[in-house]
Protein backbone atom coordinates (compact mmCIF):
# COMPACT_ATOMS: atom_id res chain seq x y z
CA MET A 1 22.57 103.26 87.04
CA PHE A 2 19.25 101.95 88.33
CA PRO A 3 17.29 104.94 89.79
CA PRO A 4 14.48 102.85 91.43
CA SER A 5 15.95 100.81 94.26
CA GLN A 6 13.58 97.89 93.55
CA GLU A 7 15.34 97.35 90.22
CA LEU A 8 18.45 96.28 92.11
CA VAL A 9 16.72 93.21 93.54
CA VAL A 10 18.54 90.20 92.09
CA ARG A 11 16.36 87.25 91.18
CA ARG A 12 18.17 83.94 91.66
CA GLY A 13 15.35 81.42 91.24
CA ALA A 14 13.43 80.09 88.26
CA ASP A 15 12.48 83.65 87.26
CA ALA A 16 16.15 84.75 86.90
CA THR A 17 17.32 85.93 83.49
CA LEU A 18 20.76 85.49 81.92
CA SER A 19 22.97 87.71 79.76
CA VAL A 20 26.15 86.46 78.09
CA VAL A 21 28.41 89.34 77.00
CA VAL A 22 31.14 88.68 74.39
CA PRO A 23 33.44 91.44 73.00
CA LEU A 24 34.94 90.52 69.63
CA PHE A 25 37.67 91.97 67.41
CA ASN A 26 38.58 90.25 64.15
CA GLU A 27 37.15 86.88 65.25
CA ALA A 28 35.25 85.96 62.06
CA ASP A 29 36.55 82.37 62.09
CA ASN A 30 35.35 81.86 65.68
CA VAL A 31 31.82 83.31 65.46
CA ASP A 32 29.93 80.19 64.27
CA GLU A 33 31.56 77.82 66.75
CA LEU A 34 31.26 80.35 69.57
CA LEU A 35 27.52 80.79 69.09
CA ARG A 36 26.97 77.05 68.62
CA ARG A 37 28.68 76.21 71.91
CA ILE A 38 27.01 79.01 73.88
CA ARG A 39 23.55 77.97 72.60
CA ASN A 40 24.20 74.30 73.35
CA VAL A 41 25.35 75.10 76.90
CA ILE A 42 22.37 77.38 77.62
CA HIS A 43 19.87 74.83 76.27
CA GLY A 44 21.47 72.13 78.43
CA LEU A 45 21.66 74.08 81.70
CA THR A 46 20.62 72.21 84.84
CA VAL A 47 18.22 75.07 85.68
CA ALA A 48 17.14 76.96 82.57
CA PRO A 49 16.92 80.78 82.86
CA ALA A 50 13.51 82.42 82.50
CA ALA A 51 14.95 84.24 79.47
CA TYR A 52 18.39 84.83 78.06
CA GLU A 53 20.28 87.09 75.68
CA ILE A 54 23.72 86.92 74.06
CA VAL A 55 25.19 90.41 73.74
CA LEU A 56 27.86 90.47 71.05
CA VAL A 57 30.01 93.61 70.85
CA ASP A 58 31.99 94.17 67.65
CA ASP A 59 34.96 96.35 68.54
CA GLY A 60 35.60 97.84 65.08
CA SER A 61 36.58 94.57 63.42
CA ARG A 62 38.25 94.79 60.02
CA ASP A 63 37.28 91.30 58.85
CA ALA A 64 33.86 89.67 58.40
CA THR A 65 33.10 89.48 62.12
CA LEU A 66 30.33 92.12 62.07
CA GLU A 67 28.68 90.66 58.96
CA LYS A 68 28.53 87.23 60.56
CA LEU A 69 27.14 88.64 63.81
CA LEU A 70 24.42 90.61 62.02
CA ASP A 71 23.44 87.60 59.96
CA ALA A 72 23.19 85.44 63.10
CA ALA A 73 21.12 88.11 64.87
CA HIS A 74 18.58 88.15 62.05
CA HIS A 75 17.99 84.42 62.59
CA ASP A 76 18.11 84.27 66.40
CA PRO A 77 15.98 86.65 68.52
CA HIS A 78 18.18 85.94 71.56
CA LEU A 79 21.15 87.73 69.97
CA ARG A 80 21.97 91.41 70.32
CA VAL A 81 24.75 92.90 68.21
CA ILE A 82 26.35 96.19 69.25
CA SER A 83 28.77 97.58 66.71
CA LEU A 84 31.16 100.26 68.01
CA SER A 85 32.16 103.11 65.70
CA ARG A 86 35.84 102.09 65.81
CA ASN A 87 38.24 99.91 67.77
CA PHE A 88 38.15 101.13 71.39
CA GLY A 89 39.97 98.19 72.96
CA HIS A 90 38.89 95.04 74.76
CA GLN A 91 38.06 96.61 78.13
CA ILE A 92 35.90 99.33 76.58
CA ALA A 93 34.11 96.84 74.34
CA ALA A 94 33.41 94.66 77.36
CA THR A 95 32.09 97.75 79.15
CA ALA A 96 29.71 98.46 76.25
CA GLY A 97 28.35 94.93 76.54
CA LEU A 98 27.90 95.20 80.30
CA ASP A 99 26.12 98.53 79.87
CA ALA A 100 23.63 96.85 77.55
CA ALA A 101 23.14 93.60 79.50
CA ARG A 102 19.80 93.23 81.27
CA GLY A 103 20.01 89.82 82.92
CA ASP A 104 19.92 89.09 86.63
CA ALA A 105 23.14 87.14 86.01
CA VAL A 106 25.66 88.52 83.50
CA VAL A 107 28.51 86.37 82.18
CA LEU A 108 31.49 88.11 80.54
CA MET A 109 33.70 85.99 78.31
CA ASP A 110 36.12 86.33 75.39
CA GLY A 111 35.24 85.34 71.85
CA ASP A 112 38.28 83.15 71.10
CA LEU A 113 36.84 80.13 72.99
CA GLN A 114 39.73 80.04 75.44
CA ASP A 115 37.01 80.84 77.98
CA PRO A 116 34.82 77.68 77.80
CA PRO A 117 31.07 78.40 77.76
CA GLU A 118 30.63 75.01 79.45
CA LEU A 119 31.42 76.69 82.79
CA LEU A 120 28.09 78.56 82.70
CA ASP A 121 26.31 75.80 84.61
CA ASP A 122 28.89 75.95 87.44
CA PHE A 123 28.72 79.76 87.42
CA LEU A 124 24.95 79.74 87.76
CA ALA A 125 25.01 77.12 90.53
CA LYS A 126 27.22 79.46 92.60
CA PHE A 127 24.99 82.39 91.65
CA ARG A 128 21.93 80.55 92.97
CA ASP A 129 23.88 79.89 96.20
CA GLY A 130 24.00 83.64 96.78
CA TYR A 131 27.29 84.75 95.19
CA ASP A 132 27.33 88.03 93.28
CA VAL A 133 30.62 87.35 91.51
CA VAL A 134 31.89 83.97 90.32
CA TYR A 135 35.30 84.31 88.65
CA ALA A 136 37.19 81.65 86.68
CA THR A 137 40.78 81.00 87.85
CA ARG A 138 43.17 79.53 85.30
CA ARG A 139 44.66 76.28 86.59
CA ARG A 140 46.56 75.55 83.37
CA ARG A 141 46.97 77.57 80.16
CA HIS A 142 47.41 75.47 77.04
CA GLY A 143 49.04 76.68 73.83
CA GLU A 144 50.86 79.66 75.35
CA SER A 145 54.60 80.34 75.32
CA ARG A 146 56.76 80.15 78.43
CA PHE A 147 57.35 83.89 78.12
CA LYS A 148 53.60 84.57 78.13
CA LEU A 149 53.05 82.23 81.09
CA PHE A 150 55.92 83.78 83.06
CA THR A 151 54.90 87.41 82.40
CA ALA A 152 51.26 86.66 83.15
CA ALA A 153 52.10 84.99 86.47
CA LEU A 154 54.46 87.85 87.35
CA PHE A 155 51.82 90.47 86.48
CA TYR A 156 49.13 88.97 88.69
CA ARG A 157 51.46 88.68 91.66
CA ILE A 158 52.91 92.18 91.29
CA ILE A 159 49.51 93.79 90.96
CA ARG A 160 48.24 91.84 93.97
CA ARG A 161 51.06 93.30 96.08
CA LEU A 162 50.84 96.83 94.72
CA THR A 163 47.10 97.44 94.62
CA ASN A 164 44.85 98.22 97.57
CA VAL A 165 42.12 95.78 96.51
CA SER A 166 42.29 91.99 96.62
CA ILE A 167 42.47 90.90 92.97
CA PRO A 168 42.54 87.08 92.55
CA VAL A 169 45.72 85.81 90.89
CA ASP A 170 45.63 83.99 87.55
CA THR A 171 42.12 85.28 86.92
CA GLY A 172 41.00 87.15 83.81
CA ASP A 173 37.71 88.82 82.94
CA PHE A 174 35.83 85.51 82.46
CA ARG A 175 33.25 85.62 85.23
CA LEU A 176 29.60 85.84 86.23
CA MET A 177 28.30 89.01 87.89
CA SER A 178 24.94 89.75 89.41
CA LYS A 179 22.79 92.65 88.26
CA ARG A 180 23.82 94.82 91.20
CA VAL A 181 27.54 94.34 90.49
CA VAL A 182 26.99 95.31 86.86
CA ALA A 183 25.01 98.34 88.03
CA ALA A 184 27.94 99.40 90.19
CA LEU A 185 30.30 99.03 87.21
CA ARG A 186 28.01 101.28 85.15
CA ASP A 187 28.50 103.99 87.76
CA SER A 188 32.30 103.67 87.47
CA ARG A 189 33.12 105.48 84.24
CA GLU A 190 36.90 105.76 84.42
CA ARG A 191 38.51 105.62 80.98
CA HIS A 192 41.59 103.51 81.65
CA ARG A 193 39.53 100.50 82.60
CA PHE A 194 40.69 97.42 84.45
CA ILE A 195 37.48 95.43 84.81
CA ARG A 196 38.77 92.62 87.01
CA GLY A 197 40.11 95.22 89.43
CA LEU A 198 36.83 97.16 89.40
CA VAL A 199 34.86 93.98 90.14
CA SER A 200 37.12 93.22 93.10
CA TRP A 201 36.75 96.82 94.31
CA VAL A 202 32.94 96.60 94.14
CA GLY A 203 32.97 93.83 96.73
CA TYR A 204 29.87 91.75 97.54
CA LYS A 205 30.08 87.99 97.94
CA GLN A 206 32.67 86.51 95.55
CA THR A 207 34.07 83.06 94.84
CA GLY A 208 36.18 81.33 92.22
CA ILE A 209 36.08 78.24 90.03
CA GLU A 210 39.24 76.65 88.62
CA TYR A 211 39.47 75.59 84.98
CA ASP A 212 42.02 74.67 82.32
CA ARG A 213 42.29 77.37 79.67
CA ALA A 214 42.27 75.94 76.16
CA GLU A 215 44.13 77.14 73.08
CA ARG A 216 42.45 79.62 70.77
CA PHE A 217 39.94 77.94 68.47
CA SER A 218 41.45 79.85 65.54
CA GLY A 219 43.29 83.07 64.78
CA SER A 220 46.00 84.77 66.80
CA SER A 221 46.10 86.67 70.07
CA LYS A 222 45.00 90.32 69.98
CA TYR A 223 47.28 91.08 72.95
CA PRO A 224 50.90 91.57 71.82
CA VAL A 225 53.58 92.52 74.33
CA SER A 226 52.93 96.26 73.88
CA LYS A 227 49.22 95.89 74.74
CA MET A 228 50.04 93.57 77.65
CA LEU A 229 52.43 96.17 79.02
CA LYS A 230 49.86 98.97 78.66
CA PHE A 231 47.23 96.77 80.31
CA ALA A 232 49.59 96.12 83.24
CA VAL A 233 50.32 99.83 83.67
CA ASP A 234 46.58 100.64 83.53
CA GLY A 235 45.85 98.04 86.20
CA ILE A 236 48.56 99.24 88.55
CA THR A 237 47.93 102.98 88.19
CA ALA A 238 44.15 102.53 88.46
CA PHE A 239 44.32 100.92 91.87
CA SER A 240 47.60 101.93 93.51
CA GLU A 241 49.54 105.01 94.51
CA ILE A 242 52.61 102.93 95.37
CA PRO A 243 54.52 103.86 92.17
CA LEU A 244 54.30 107.51 93.26
CA ARG A 245 55.65 106.57 96.66
CA ILE A 246 58.46 104.60 95.03
CA ALA A 247 59.42 107.76 93.15
CA THR A 248 59.56 109.62 96.47
CA TRP A 249 61.66 106.86 98.05
CA PHE A 250 64.04 107.02 95.09
CA GLY A 251 64.45 110.72 95.72
CA PHE A 252 65.24 110.27 99.41
CA VAL A 253 67.68 107.41 98.78
CA VAL A 254 69.56 109.28 96.06
CA SER A 255 69.69 112.43 98.20
CA ALA A 256 71.05 110.47 101.15
CA VAL A 257 73.74 108.81 99.03
CA ALA A 258 74.69 112.13 97.47
CA PHE A 259 74.91 113.73 100.95
CA VAL A 260 77.22 110.96 102.24
CA VAL A 261 79.43 111.17 99.13
CA ALA A 262 79.65 114.95 99.55
CA LEU A 263 80.73 114.57 103.20
CA VAL A 264 83.40 112.04 102.20
CA GLU A 265 84.74 114.31 99.49
CA ILE A 266 84.83 117.30 101.82
CA GLY A 267 86.61 115.22 104.48
CA ILE A 268 89.25 114.06 102.01
CA LYS A 269 89.80 117.62 100.85
CA ILE A 270 90.13 119.01 104.40
CA PHE A 271 92.31 116.29 105.94
CA THR A 272 94.49 115.37 103.02
CA GLY A 273 94.38 118.48 100.91
CA TYR A 274 94.07 116.25 97.89
CA ASN A 275 91.02 115.22 95.94
CA LEU A 276 91.56 112.73 93.12
CA PRO A 277 89.49 113.69 90.10
CA GLY A 278 87.47 110.73 88.82
CA TYR A 279 85.89 110.71 85.40
CA THR A 280 84.22 107.32 85.93
CA SER A 281 82.58 108.28 89.22
CA THR A 282 81.40 111.57 87.78
CA ILE A 283 79.77 109.93 84.75
CA PHE A 284 78.25 107.24 86.98
CA ALA A 285 76.71 109.89 89.26
CA ILE A 286 75.31 111.88 86.33
CA LEU A 287 73.79 108.80 84.66
CA PHE A 288 72.40 107.46 87.92
CA LEU A 289 70.81 110.74 88.94
CA GLY A 290 69.50 111.33 85.42
CA GLY A 291 67.99 107.85 85.30
CA VAL A 292 66.24 108.28 88.64
CA GLN A 293 64.87 111.65 87.54
CA LEU A 294 63.54 110.24 84.27
CA ILE A 295 61.92 107.29 86.06
CA THR A 296 60.16 109.55 88.57
CA ILE A 297 59.07 111.99 85.87
CA GLY A 298 57.71 109.06 83.84
CA ILE A 299 55.71 107.77 86.83
CA LEU A 300 54.29 111.20 87.45
CA GLY A 301 53.48 111.49 83.74
CA GLU A 302 51.44 108.27 83.80
CA TYR A 303 49.22 109.61 86.58
CA VAL A 304 48.96 113.12 85.09
CA GLY A 305 48.02 111.63 81.73
CA ARG A 306 45.19 109.67 83.34
CA VAL A 307 43.92 112.76 85.09
CA TYR A 308 44.03 114.60 81.76
CA ASP A 309 41.99 111.85 80.06
CA GLU A 310 39.40 111.91 82.84
CA ILE A 311 38.79 115.66 82.86
CA LYS A 312 38.13 115.77 79.11
CA GLY A 313 34.85 113.99 79.85
CA ARG A 314 34.54 112.21 76.49
CA PRO A 315 32.20 109.17 76.26
CA LEU A 316 33.84 105.81 76.71
CA TYR A 317 32.65 104.60 73.31
CA LEU A 318 30.34 105.41 70.41
CA VAL A 319 27.79 102.97 69.02
CA ALA A 320 27.36 102.62 65.25
CA GLU A 321 24.66 99.90 65.24
CA ASN A 322 22.47 98.18 67.80
CA VAL A 323 20.65 95.19 66.32
CA GLY A 324 18.41 92.59 67.98
CA SER A 325 16.19 92.38 71.02
CA GLY A 326 17.64 89.67 73.25
CA LEU A 327 15.48 89.29 76.35
CA ASP A 328 11.72 89.52 76.14
CA ALA A 329 11.89 92.84 78.04
CA PRO A 330 11.79 96.07 76.00
CA THR A 331 15.04 96.66 74.16
CA VAL A 332 17.43 99.16 75.69
CA SER A 333 18.26 101.75 73.03
CA LEU A 334 21.93 102.58 72.94
CA PRO A 335 22.55 106.21 71.93
CA SER A 336 25.24 106.95 69.37
CA THR A 337 27.09 109.50 71.48
CA VAL A 338 26.96 108.44 75.13
CA PRO A 339 27.12 105.05 76.86
CA VAL A 340 24.03 103.48 78.39
CA THR A 341 23.85 103.98 82.17
CA GLU A 342 20.50 102.38 82.99
CA THR A 343 18.34 99.45 82.06
């Protein structure tokens, strides 16, 4: 949060500064190439920033990622390395990087080089045109299975219909955000984070740029089906009450069907005096009603669980190390117990 209102003024000219935020988890084989490409792109920008920093967040990696980042930071004053105390997940690691970023323009990207740093020049051109958010929309996704492509496309379209904010389809977290958008995200401390939804909710002037997503430079995806499913549930429950309404509709529909069936059975008994016992229909009714009840209880449980996590009031993440200075401005000191909320 920026207490003085003048701090929220976004510089877009030659005096504008740039932050590039990259969360990493077990990406040791990608670090050298990632930093080489980011540096080359920044040094070749059409309009160079007044100053820049690369904020690298190690999300509790178990390989040599942190060692490589620390070594690079000791040789490059533009690098800042934030090491979290354990693995908190991609969205939380990205949040830690955004909390620490101090640029007028902040670019968030993944560390697997599927998000090409070469788009920075296009991002900044839109930023100088007055846009506060410039998101990258995936035109094609190379090196991904048909199942991954199908589920990803389905996810974006379902969440667009279910949520009450306009989230661009086929768009990940790769984007540029102005200082005031990042400041608004710092004020939003919900624990089950869905950053692309939060950015859409913040509003301001937004636009997109299409690109072809490349294969991973090396390594394997850190998002198996289980994490993808959890991410989808987090996104839907964070921005929509429709699943709760669906549970209510289920209840009304089942009650109406049960009422009609009861009337039919009573009519048969009264007018014919005979009611054929049916094992199959009985089992079907029990399983159907039980299934509906379990579904609705599960939906309620998802929302109650999120309320429970919020009221505990724990910090989003803990910082083990904060190395490097980045921009020429005084370094923001990240406490070890609470997240940074101001720059």
